[in-house]
Amino acid sequence: MNLKGRSNFTIRYLNPSIEKGYVAQLYPDAPKRRDQAYYLTEKGLALYAEISKEN
């Protein structure tokens, strides 16, 4: 993916995925939490299943 750092990944991929509802934060009230984690929402899981079927 030719990523150059965390900020590039966050701006280009993570934030848009969160805004569109594909990914959610484990601790949404603390976005800068050291152990912040992310998970696929039902919408994200559905997209993943659709993409997986094509391959």
PDB file of N, CA and C in Angstrom:
ATOM      1  N   MET A   1       0.815  -1.194   0.000  1.00  0.00           N
ATOM      2  CA  MET A   1       0.000   0.000   0.000  1.00  0.00           C
ATOM      3  C   MET A   1       0.855   1.254   0.000  1.00  0.00           C
ATOM      4  N   ASN A   2       2.155   1.097   0.164  1.00  0.00           N
ATOM      5  CA  ASN A   2       3.085   2.216   0.094  1.00  0.00           C
ATOM      6  C   ASN A   2       2.773   3.307   1.115  1.00  0.00           C
ATOM      7  N   LEU A   3       2.519   2.907   2.358  1.00  0.00           N
ATOM      8  CA  LEU A   3       2.214   3.863   3.410  1.00  0.00           C
ATOM      9  C   LEU A   3       3.496   4.439   3.987  1.00  0.00           C
ATOM     10  N   LYS A   4       3.453   5.709   4.328  1.00  0.00           N
ATOM     11  CA  LYS A   4       4.639   6.397   4.837  1.00  0.00           C
ATOM     12  C   LYS A   4       4.538   6.720   6.323  1.00  0.00           C
ATOM     13  N   GLY A   5       3.499   6.304   6.995  1.00  0.00           N
ATOM     14  CA  GLY A   5       3.401   6.575   8.421  1.00  0.00           C
ATOM     15  C   GLY A   5       1.978   6.488   8.924  1.00  0.00           C
ATOM     16  N   ARG A   6       1.844   6.550  10.212  1.00  0.00           N
ATOM     17  CA  ARG A   6       0.540   6.422  10.871  1.00  0.00           C
ATOM     18  C   ARG A   6      -0.414   7.534  10.441  1.00  0.00           C
ATOM     19  N   SER A   7       0.065   8.772  10.365  1.00  0.00           N
ATOM     20  CA  SER A   7      -0.831   9.880  10.027  1.00  0.00           C
ATOM     21  C   SER A   7      -1.404   9.705   8.616  1.00  0.00           C
ATOM     22  N   ASN A   8      -0.591   9.248   7.680  1.00  0.00           N
ATOM     23  CA  ASN A   8      -1.067   9.002   6.317  1.00  0.00           C
ATOM     24  C   ASN A   8      -2.154   7.922   6.323  1.00  0.00           C
ATOM     25  N   PHE A   9      -1.924   6.846   7.036  1.00  0.00           N
ATOM     26  CA  PHE A   9      -2.902   5.766   7.129  1.00  0.00           C
ATOM     27  C   PHE A   9      -4.195   6.264   7.764  1.00  0.00           C
ATOM     28  N   THR A  10      -4.066   7.044   8.826  1.00  0.00           N
ATOM     29  CA  THR A  10      -5.236   7.548   9.536  1.00  0.00           C
ATOM     30  C   THR A  10      -6.085   8.450   8.650  1.00  0.00           C
ATOM     31  N   ILE A  11      -5.443   9.374   7.965  1.00  0.00           N
ATOM     32  CA  ILE A  11      -6.164  10.337   7.133  1.00  0.00           C
ATOM     33  C   ILE A  11      -6.791   9.671   5.912  1.00  0.00           C
ATOM     34  N   ARG A  12      -6.043   8.811   5.241  1.00  0.00           N
ATOM     35  CA  ARG A  12      -6.512   8.238   3.977  1.00  0.00           C
ATOM     36  C   ARG A  12      -7.433   7.027   4.122  1.00  0.00           C
ATOM     37  N   TYR A  13      -7.263   6.238   5.172  1.00  0.00           N
ATOM     38  CA  TYR A  13      -7.984   4.977   5.261  1.00  0.00           C
ATOM     39  C   TYR A  13      -8.836   4.827   6.523  1.00  0.00           C
ATOM     40  N   LEU A  14      -8.251   5.056   7.677  1.00  0.00           N
ATOM     41  CA  LEU A  14      -8.964   4.769   8.920  1.00  0.00           C
ATOM     42  C   LEU A  14     -10.131   5.726   9.154  1.00  0.00           C
ATOM     43  N   ASN A  15      -9.898   7.028   9.107  1.00  0.00           N
ATOM     44  CA  ASN A  15     -10.972   7.994   9.354  1.00  0.00           C
ATOM     45  C   ASN A  15     -12.121   7.850   8.355  1.00  0.00           C
ATOM     46  N   PRO A  16     -11.867   7.726   7.051  1.00  0.00           N
ATOM     47  CA  PRO A  16     -12.984   7.526   6.124  1.00  0.00           C
ATOM     48  C   PRO A  16     -13.768   6.232   6.401  1.00  0.00           C
ATOM     49  N   SER A  17     -13.075   5.176   6.806  1.00  0.00           N
ATOM     50  CA  SER A  17     -13.744   3.913   7.125  1.00  0.00           C
ATOM     51  C   SER A  17     -14.634   4.048   8.357  1.00  0.00           C
ATOM     52  N   ILE A  18     -14.176   4.823   9.328  1.00  0.00           N
ATOM     53  CA  ILE A  18     -14.977   5.068  10.528  1.00  0.00           C
ATOM     54  C   ILE A  18     -16.182   5.926  10.173  1.00  0.00           C
ATOM     55  N   GLU A  19     -15.976   6.982   9.387  1.00  0.00           N
ATOM     56  CA  GLU A  19     -17.064   7.883   8.996  1.00  0.00           C
ATOM     57  C   GLU A  19     -18.144   7.172   8.194  1.00  0.00           C
ATOM     58  N   LYS A  20     -17.750   6.224   7.364  1.00  0.00           N
ATOM     59  CA  LYS A  20     -18.719   5.492   6.535  1.00  0.00           C
ATOM     60  C   LYS A  20     -19.349   4.322   7.261  1.00  0.00           C
ATOM     61  N   GLY A  21     -18.882   4.025   8.472  1.00  0.00           N
ATOM     62  CA  GLY A  21     -19.505   2.996   9.284  1.00  0.00           C
ATOM     63  C   GLY A  21     -18.990   1.591   9.079  1.00  0.00           C
ATOM     64  N   TYR A  22     -17.837   1.428   8.462  1.00  0.00           N
ATOM     65  CA  TYR A  22     -17.268   0.099   8.252  1.00  0.00           C
ATOM     66  C   TYR A  22     -16.418  -0.359   9.432  1.00  0.00           C
ATOM     67  N   VAL A  23     -15.843   0.600  10.131  1.00  0.00           N
ATOM     68  CA  VAL A  23     -14.942   0.323  11.254  1.00  0.00           C
ATOM     69  C   VAL A  23     -15.399   1.163  12.441  1.00  0.00           C
ATOM     70  N   ALA A  24     -15.224   0.620  13.649  1.00  0.00           N
ATOM     71  CA  ALA A  24     -15.552   1.360  14.869  1.00  0.00           C
ATOM     72  C   ALA A  24     -14.392   1.249  15.848  1.00  0.00           C
ATOM     73  N   GLN A  25     -14.304   2.226  16.730  1.00  0.00           N
ATOM     74  CA  GLN A  25     -13.270   2.222  17.756  1.00  0.00           C
ATOM     75  C   GLN A  25     -13.774   1.453  18.973  1.00  0.00           C
ATOM     76  N   LEU A  26     -12.896   0.729  19.612  1.00  0.00           N
ATOM     77  CA  LEU A  26     -13.254   0.006  20.822  1.00  0.00           C
ATOM     78  C   LEU A  26     -13.526   0.990  21.960  1.00  0.00           C
ATOM     79  N   TYR A  27     -12.783   2.089  22.010  1.00  0.00           N
ATOM     80  CA  TYR A  27     -12.948   3.123  23.031  1.00  0.00           C
ATOM     81  C   TYR A  27     -13.236   4.457  22.341  1.00  0.00           C
ATOM     82  N   PRO A  28     -14.459   4.686  21.884  1.00  0.00           N
ATOM     83  CA  PRO A  28     -14.759   5.902  21.113  1.00  0.00           C
ATOM     84  C   PRO A  28     -14.619   7.199  21.914  1.00  0.00           C
ATOM     85  N   ASP A  29     -14.748   7.127  23.245  1.00  0.00           N
ATOM     86  CA  ASP A  29     -14.627   8.329  24.062  1.00  0.00           C
ATOM     87  C   ASP A  29     -13.177   8.720  24.316  1.00  0.00           C
ATOM     88  N   ALA A  30     -12.245   7.867  23.943  1.00  0.00           N
ATOM     89  CA  ALA A  30     -10.816   8.140  24.146  1.00  0.00           C
ATOM     90  C   ALA A  30     -10.041   7.786  22.882  1.00  0.00           C
ATOM     91  N   PRO A  31     -10.162   8.600  21.827  1.00  0.00           N
ATOM     92  CA  PRO A  31      -9.533   8.253  20.541  1.00  0.00           C
ATOM     93  C   PRO A  31      -8.013   8.149  20.576  1.00  0.00           C
ATOM     94  N   LYS A  32      -7.363   8.807  21.527  1.00  0.00           N
ATOM     95  CA  LYS A  32      -5.900   8.751  21.596  1.00  0.00           C
ATOM     96  C   LYS A  32      -5.419   7.776  22.662  1.00  0.00           C
ATOM     97  N   ARG A  33      -6.298   6.952  23.125  1.00  0.00           N
ATOM     98  CA  ARG A  33      -5.939   5.965  24.141  1.00  0.00           C
ATOM     99  C   ARG A  33      -4.827   5.056  23.613  1.00  0.00           C
ATOM    100  N   ARG A  34      -3.877   4.762  24.464  1.00  0.00           N
ATOM    101  CA  ARG A  34      -2.696   3.986  24.072  1.00  0.00           C
ATOM    102  C   ARG A  34      -3.057   2.614  23.505  1.00  0.00           C
ATOM    103  N   ASP A  35      -4.055   1.979  24.094  1.00  0.00           N
ATOM    104  CA  ASP A  35      -4.437   0.629  23.655  1.00  0.00           C
ATOM    105  C   ASP A  35      -5.715   0.643  22.807  1.00  0.00           C
ATOM    106  N   GLN A  36      -5.951   1.753  22.098  1.00  0.00           N
ATOM    107  CA  GLN A  36      -7.114   1.853  21.223  1.00  0.00           C
ATOM    108  C   GLN A  36      -7.093   0.708  20.214  1.00  0.00           C
ATOM    109  N   ALA A  37      -8.262   0.149  19.987  1.00  0.00           N
ATOM    110  CA  ALA A  37      -8.394  -0.940  19.026  1.00  0.00           C
ATOM    111  C   ALA A  37      -9.581  -0.633  18.119  1.00  0.00           C
ATOM    112  N   TYR A  38      -9.629  -1.290  17.000  1.00  0.00           N
ATOM    113  CA  TYR A  38     -10.675  -1.067  16.015  1.00  0.00           C
ATOM    114  C   TYR A  38     -11.267  -2.410  15.622  1.00  0.00           C
ATOM    115  N   TYR A  39     -12.538  -2.397  15.239  1.00  0.00           N
ATOM    116  CA  TYR A  39     -13.184  -3.627  14.804  1.00  0.00           C
ATOM    117  C   TYR A  39     -14.139  -3.326  13.660  1.00  0.00           C
ATOM    118  N   LEU A  40     -14.424  -4.349  12.878  1.00  0.00           N
ATOM    119  CA  LEU A  40     -15.372  -4.203  11.779  1.00  0.00           C
ATOM    120  C   LEU A  40     -16.785  -4.204  12.329  1.00  0.00           C
ATOM    121  N   THR A  41     -17.598  -3.284  11.854  1.00  0.00           N
ATOM    122  CA  THR A  41     -19.007  -3.245  12.216  1.00  0.00           C
ATOM    123  C   THR A  41     -19.739  -4.292  11.365  1.00  0.00           C
ATOM    124  N   GLU A  42     -21.034  -4.418  11.565  1.00  0.00           N
ATOM    125  CA  GLU A  42     -21.798  -5.354  10.733  1.00  0.00           C
ATOM    126  C   GLU A  42     -21.703  -4.958   9.265  1.00  0.00           C
ATOM    127  N   LYS A  43     -21.742  -3.667   8.994  1.00  0.00           N
ATOM    128  CA  LYS A  43     -21.596  -3.173   7.625  1.00  0.00           C
ATOM    129  C   LYS A  43     -20.223  -3.548   7.064  1.00  0.00           C
ATOM    130  N   GLY A  44     -19.187  -3.416   7.872  1.00  0.00           N
ATOM    131  CA  GLY A  44     -17.838  -3.786   7.464  1.00  0.00           C
ATOM    132  C   GLY A  44     -17.692  -5.275   7.241  1.00  0.00           C
ATOM    133  N   LEU A  45     -18.311  -6.067   8.117  1.00  0.00           N
ATOM    134  CA  LEU A  45     -18.259  -7.524   7.961  1.00  0.00           C
ATOM    135  C   LEU A  45     -18.984  -7.971   6.690  1.00  0.00           C
ATOM    136  N   ALA A  46     -20.097  -7.312   6.376  1.00  0.00           N
ATOM    137  CA  ALA A  46     -20.835  -7.643   5.153  1.00  0.00           C
ATOM    138  C   ALA A  46     -19.987  -7.335   3.919  1.00  0.00           C
ATOM    139  N   LEU A  47     -19.312  -6.198   3.925  1.00  0.00           N
ATOM    140  CA  LEU A  47     -18.443  -5.845   2.800  1.00  0.00           C
ATOM    141  C   LEU A  47     -17.291  -6.832   2.688  1.00  0.00           C
ATOM    142  N   TYR A  48     -16.702  -7.196   3.815  1.00  0.00           N
ATOM    143  CA  TYR A  48     -15.604  -8.155   3.828  1.00  0.00           C
ATOM    144  C   TYR A  48     -16.061  -9.502   3.251  1.00  0.00           C
ATOM    145  N   ALA A  49     -17.249  -9.957   3.652  1.00  0.00           N
ATOM    146  CA  ALA A  49     -17.775 -11.234   3.141  1.00  0.00           C
ATOM    147  C   ALA A  49     -17.997 -11.160   1.638  1.00  0.00           C
ATOM    148  N   GLU A  50     -18.514 -10.027   1.168  1.00  0.00           N
ATOM    149  CA  GLU A  50     -18.749  -9.846  -0.270  1.00  0.00           C
ATOM    150  C   GLU A  50     -17.434  -9.864  -1.055  1.00  0.00           C
ATOM    151  N   ILE A  51     -16.443  -9.180  -0.539  1.00  0.00           N
ATOM    152  CA  ILE A  51     -15.143  -9.147  -1.200  1.00  0.00           C
ATOM    153  C   ILE A  51     -14.487 -10.522  -1.184  1.00  0.00           C
ATOM    154  N   SER A  52     -14.621 -11.227  -0.063  1.00  0.00           N
ATOM    155  CA  SER A  52     -14.026 -12.560   0.075  1.00  0.00           C
ATOM    156  C   SER A  52     -14.622 -13.546  -0.909  1.00  0.00           C
ATOM    157  N   LYS A  53     -15.924 -13.430  -1.185  1.00  0.00           N
ATOM    158  CA  LYS A  53     -16.575 -14.329  -2.148  1.00  0.00           C
ATOM    159  C   LYS A  53     -16.029 -14.158  -3.552  1.00  0.00           C
ATOM    160  N   GLU A  54     -15.677 -12.918  -3.901  1.00  0.00           N
ATOM    161  CA  GLU A  54     -15.172 -12.628  -5.243  1.00  0.00           C
ATOM    162  C   GLU A  54     -13.801 -13.230  -5.491  1.00  0.00           C
ATOM    163  N   ASN A  55     -13.039 -13.391  -4.419  1.00  0.00           N
ATOM    164  CA  ASN A  55     -11.679 -13.932  -4.576  1.00  0.00           C
ATOM    165  C   ASN A  55     -11.748 -15.387  -4.382  1.00  0.00           C
TER     166      ASN A  55
END
